[in-house]
Amino acid sequence: MKITVCIGSSCHLKGSRKIVESLQNLIRTNNLDDKVELAGTFCLGQCQKGVCVTVDDQLFSLSPDTVDQFFEENVLAKV
């Protein structure tokens, strides 16, 4: 599974750094280092929607407050 987080300027201002840090921690805590790849990318073209995150090319819009629920529903449930 590959998770990509936009780190472009708009998403950076909306909290992408906190989201990356949270995802890194969740991946490590759940021992998923060998199953989940976390990467950064620049603009995904959906700046108005919040921090853009893809999971295997499916687009999601996150905020630092929604990372835990996103991880549970879209990562843990699928690995």
N, C-alpha and C. Protein backbone atom coordinates (compact mmCIF):
# COMPACT_ATOMS: atom_id res chain seq x y z
N MET A 1 0.85 -1.17 0.00
CA MET A 1 0.00 0.00 0.00
C MET A 1 0.89 1.24 0.00
N LYS A 2 0.53 2.20 -0.83
CA LYS A 2 1.30 3.45 -0.88
C LYS A 2 0.41 4.62 -0.51
N ILE A 3 0.86 5.38 0.49
CA ILE A 3 0.17 6.61 0.90
C ILE A 3 1.04 7.78 0.48
N THR A 4 0.44 8.72 -0.24
CA THR A 4 1.15 9.91 -0.69
C THR A 4 0.46 11.14 -0.12
N VAL A 5 1.25 12.01 0.48
CA VAL A 5 0.72 13.23 1.09
C VAL A 5 1.25 14.43 0.32
N CYS A 6 0.36 15.33 -0.07
CA CYS A 6 0.78 16.55 -0.73
C CYS A 6 1.53 17.44 0.26
N ILE A 7 2.69 17.91 -0.15
CA ILE A 7 3.47 18.83 0.68
C ILE A 7 3.67 20.16 -0.04
N GLY A 8 2.80 20.43 -1.01
CA GLY A 8 2.84 21.71 -1.71
C GLY A 8 2.48 22.85 -0.76
N SER A 9 2.64 24.07 -1.23
CA SER A 9 2.48 25.23 -0.34
C SER A 9 1.10 25.33 0.29
N SER A 10 0.03 25.10 -0.46
CA SER A 10 -1.32 25.21 0.09
C SER A 10 -1.56 24.13 1.15
N CYS A 11 -1.20 22.90 0.84
CA CYS A 11 -1.39 21.81 1.80
C CYS A 11 -0.46 21.97 3.01
N HIS A 12 0.73 22.51 2.77
CA HIS A 12 1.65 22.75 3.89
C HIS A 12 1.02 23.71 4.89
N LEU A 13 0.40 24.76 4.38
CA LEU A 13 -0.26 25.73 5.24
C LEU A 13 -1.46 25.14 5.98
N LYS A 14 -2.05 24.09 5.42
CA LYS A 14 -3.22 23.45 6.04
C LYS A 14 -2.84 22.30 6.97
N GLY A 15 -1.54 22.04 7.13
CA GLY A 15 -1.12 21.05 8.12
C GLY A 15 -0.53 19.76 7.59
N SER A 16 -0.03 19.75 6.37
CA SER A 16 0.49 18.50 5.83
C SER A 16 1.66 17.94 6.64
N ARG A 17 2.46 18.80 7.23
CA ARG A 17 3.58 18.31 8.04
C ARG A 17 3.08 17.51 9.24
N LYS A 18 2.05 18.02 9.91
CA LYS A 18 1.48 17.30 11.05
C LYS A 18 0.86 15.97 10.61
N ILE A 19 0.25 15.98 9.44
CA ILE A 19 -0.35 14.75 8.91
C ILE A 19 0.73 13.71 8.61
N VAL A 20 1.82 14.14 7.99
CA VAL A 20 2.93 13.22 7.71
C VAL A 20 3.47 12.64 9.01
N GLU A 21 3.69 13.49 10.00
CA GLU A 21 4.22 13.01 11.28
C GLU A 21 3.26 12.03 11.95
N SER A 22 1.98 12.31 11.90
CA SER A 22 0.98 11.42 12.48
C SER A 22 0.96 10.08 11.76
N LEU A 23 1.00 10.12 10.43
CA LEU A 23 1.00 8.88 9.66
C LEU A 23 2.26 8.06 9.92
N GLN A 24 3.40 8.71 10.01
CA GLN A 24 4.64 8.00 10.32
C GLN A 24 4.51 7.28 11.66
N ASN A 25 3.97 7.97 12.64
CA ASN A 25 3.80 7.39 13.97
C ASN A 25 2.80 6.23 13.94
N LEU A 26 1.68 6.40 13.25
CA LEU A 26 0.68 5.34 13.17
C LEU A 26 1.21 4.11 12.44
N ILE A 27 1.97 4.31 11.39
CA ILE A 27 2.56 3.19 10.66
C ILE A 27 3.53 2.43 11.56
N ARG A 28 4.37 3.16 12.25
CA ARG A 28 5.36 2.54 13.15
C ARG A 28 4.67 1.84 14.32
N THR A 29 3.69 2.50 14.95
CA THR A 29 2.98 1.95 16.10
C THR A 29 2.26 0.65 15.76
N ASN A 30 1.74 0.57 14.54
CA ASN A 30 0.99 -0.61 14.11
C ASN A 30 1.87 -1.64 13.37
N ASN A 31 3.18 -1.45 13.43
CA ASN A 31 4.14 -2.37 12.80
C ASN A 31 3.84 -2.62 11.33
N LEU A 32 3.58 -1.54 10.59
CA LEU A 32 3.23 -1.66 9.18
C LEU A 32 4.34 -1.15 8.26
N ASP A 33 5.54 -0.98 8.79
CA ASP A 33 6.65 -0.44 7.99
C ASP A 33 6.90 -1.26 6.72
N ASP A 34 6.68 -2.56 6.79
CA ASP A 34 6.93 -3.42 5.64
C ASP A 34 5.73 -3.53 4.70
N LYS A 35 4.58 -2.95 5.09
CA LYS A 35 3.36 -3.06 4.28
C LYS A 35 2.87 -1.73 3.72
N VAL A 36 3.29 -0.64 4.34
CA VAL A 36 2.81 0.69 3.94
C VAL A 36 4.00 1.58 3.61
N GLU A 37 3.97 2.14 2.41
CA GLU A 37 4.99 3.10 1.99
C GLU A 37 4.39 4.49 2.09
N LEU A 38 5.09 5.40 2.76
CA LEU A 38 4.64 6.78 2.90
C LEU A 38 5.55 7.68 2.09
N ALA A 39 4.95 8.51 1.24
CA ALA A 39 5.73 9.39 0.38
C ALA A 39 5.09 10.77 0.35
N GLY A 40 5.88 11.74 -0.07
CA GLY A 40 5.39 13.09 -0.26
C GLY A 40 5.35 13.41 -1.74
N THR A 41 4.51 14.36 -2.10
CA THR A 41 4.42 14.80 -3.49
C THR A 41 4.03 16.28 -3.48
N PHE A 42 4.22 16.91 -4.61
CA PHE A 42 3.76 18.29 -4.71
C PHE A 42 2.36 18.30 -5.31
N CYS A 43 1.82 19.43 -5.53
CA CYS A 43 0.40 19.67 -5.81
C CYS A 43 -0.31 18.55 -6.58
N LEU A 44 -1.43 18.14 -6.01
CA LEU A 44 -2.31 17.15 -6.64
C LEU A 44 -3.50 17.81 -7.32
N GLY A 45 -3.52 19.15 -7.31
CA GLY A 45 -4.54 19.88 -8.03
C GLY A 45 -5.89 19.99 -7.33
N GLN A 46 -5.94 19.69 -6.05
CA GLN A 46 -7.20 19.75 -5.30
C GLN A 46 -7.03 20.65 -4.07
N CYS A 47 -6.33 21.75 -4.23
CA CYS A 47 -5.94 22.62 -3.11
C CYS A 47 -7.10 23.08 -2.24
N GLN A 48 -8.26 23.29 -2.84
CA GLN A 48 -9.41 23.80 -2.09
C GLN A 48 -10.00 22.78 -1.13
N LYS A 49 -9.62 21.51 -1.24
CA LYS A 49 -10.24 20.45 -0.45
C LYS A 49 -9.53 20.15 0.86
N GLY A 50 -8.42 20.78 1.15
CA GLY A 50 -7.65 20.45 2.35
C GLY A 50 -6.38 19.74 1.95
N VAL A 51 -5.75 19.08 2.88
CA VAL A 51 -4.51 18.37 2.57
C VAL A 51 -4.86 17.12 1.77
N CYS A 52 -4.32 17.04 0.57
CA CYS A 52 -4.62 15.92 -0.31
C CYS A 52 -3.72 14.74 0.00
N VAL A 53 -4.35 13.58 0.16
CA VAL A 53 -3.65 12.34 0.46
C VAL A 53 -4.21 11.27 -0.46
N THR A 54 -3.34 10.47 -1.05
CA THR A 54 -3.81 9.35 -1.84
C THR A 54 -3.40 8.05 -1.18
N VAL A 55 -4.26 7.07 -1.31
CA VAL A 55 -3.96 5.70 -0.90
C VAL A 55 -4.15 4.86 -2.15
N ASP A 56 -3.03 4.35 -2.66
CA ASP A 56 -3.09 3.59 -3.92
C ASP A 56 -3.92 4.32 -4.97
N ASP A 57 -3.63 5.60 -5.14
CA ASP A 57 -4.24 6.47 -6.16
C ASP A 57 -5.69 6.89 -5.89
N GLN A 58 -6.25 6.54 -4.74
CA GLN A 58 -7.57 7.04 -4.36
C GLN A 58 -7.37 8.31 -3.53
N LEU A 59 -8.01 9.40 -3.92
CA LEU A 59 -7.81 10.70 -3.31
C LEU A 59 -8.69 10.91 -2.08
N PHE A 60 -8.06 11.44 -1.02
CA PHE A 60 -8.75 11.81 0.21
C PHE A 60 -8.33 13.23 0.57
N SER A 61 -9.16 13.89 1.35
CA SER A 61 -8.86 15.22 1.83
C SER A 61 -8.84 15.16 3.35
N LEU A 62 -7.69 15.50 3.96
CA LEU A 62 -7.53 15.37 5.40
C LEU A 62 -7.20 16.69 6.07
N SER A 63 -7.36 16.68 7.37
CA SER A 63 -6.85 17.74 8.23
C SER A 63 -6.12 17.01 9.36
N PRO A 64 -5.30 17.71 10.12
CA PRO A 64 -4.61 17.04 11.23
C PRO A 64 -5.58 16.35 12.19
N ASP A 65 -6.81 16.84 12.29
CA ASP A 65 -7.80 16.26 13.20
C ASP A 65 -8.45 14.97 12.68
N THR A 66 -8.33 14.70 11.39
CA THR A 66 -9.02 13.54 10.82
C THR A 66 -8.08 12.38 10.49
N VAL A 67 -6.80 12.51 10.82
CA VAL A 67 -5.81 11.49 10.44
C VAL A 67 -6.09 10.14 11.09
N ASP A 68 -6.40 10.12 12.38
CA ASP A 68 -6.61 8.85 13.08
C ASP A 68 -7.78 8.06 12.47
N GLN A 69 -8.88 8.73 12.25
CA GLN A 69 -10.05 8.06 11.66
C GLN A 69 -9.73 7.59 10.23
N PHE A 70 -9.07 8.45 9.45
CA PHE A 70 -8.66 8.07 8.10
C PHE A 70 -7.79 6.82 8.13
N PHE A 71 -6.81 6.78 9.02
CA PHE A 71 -5.89 5.65 9.09
C PHE A 71 -6.63 4.37 9.44
N GLU A 72 -7.53 4.46 10.41
CA GLU A 72 -8.28 3.28 10.83
C GLU A 72 -9.16 2.75 9.69
N GLU A 73 -9.86 3.64 8.99
CA GLU A 73 -10.80 3.22 7.97
C GLU A 73 -10.16 2.86 6.63
N ASN A 74 -9.07 3.52 6.28
CA ASN A 74 -8.52 3.36 4.93
C ASN A 74 -7.16 2.68 4.87
N VAL A 75 -6.55 2.48 6.01
CA VAL A 75 -5.28 1.78 6.01
C VAL A 75 -5.40 0.48 6.81
N LEU A 76 -5.70 0.58 8.10
CA LEU A 76 -5.79 -0.63 8.93
C LEU A 76 -6.83 -1.62 8.39
N ALA A 77 -7.93 -1.10 7.90
CA ALA A 77 -8.99 -1.98 7.41
C ALA A 77 -8.62 -2.70 6.12
N LYS A 78 -7.55 -2.25 5.45
CA LYS A 78 -7.20 -2.80 4.14
C LYS A 78 -5.87 -3.53 4.09
N VAL A 79 -5.11 -3.53 5.18
CA VAL A 79 -3.83 -4.25 5.14
C VAL A 79 -3.95 -5.60 5.81
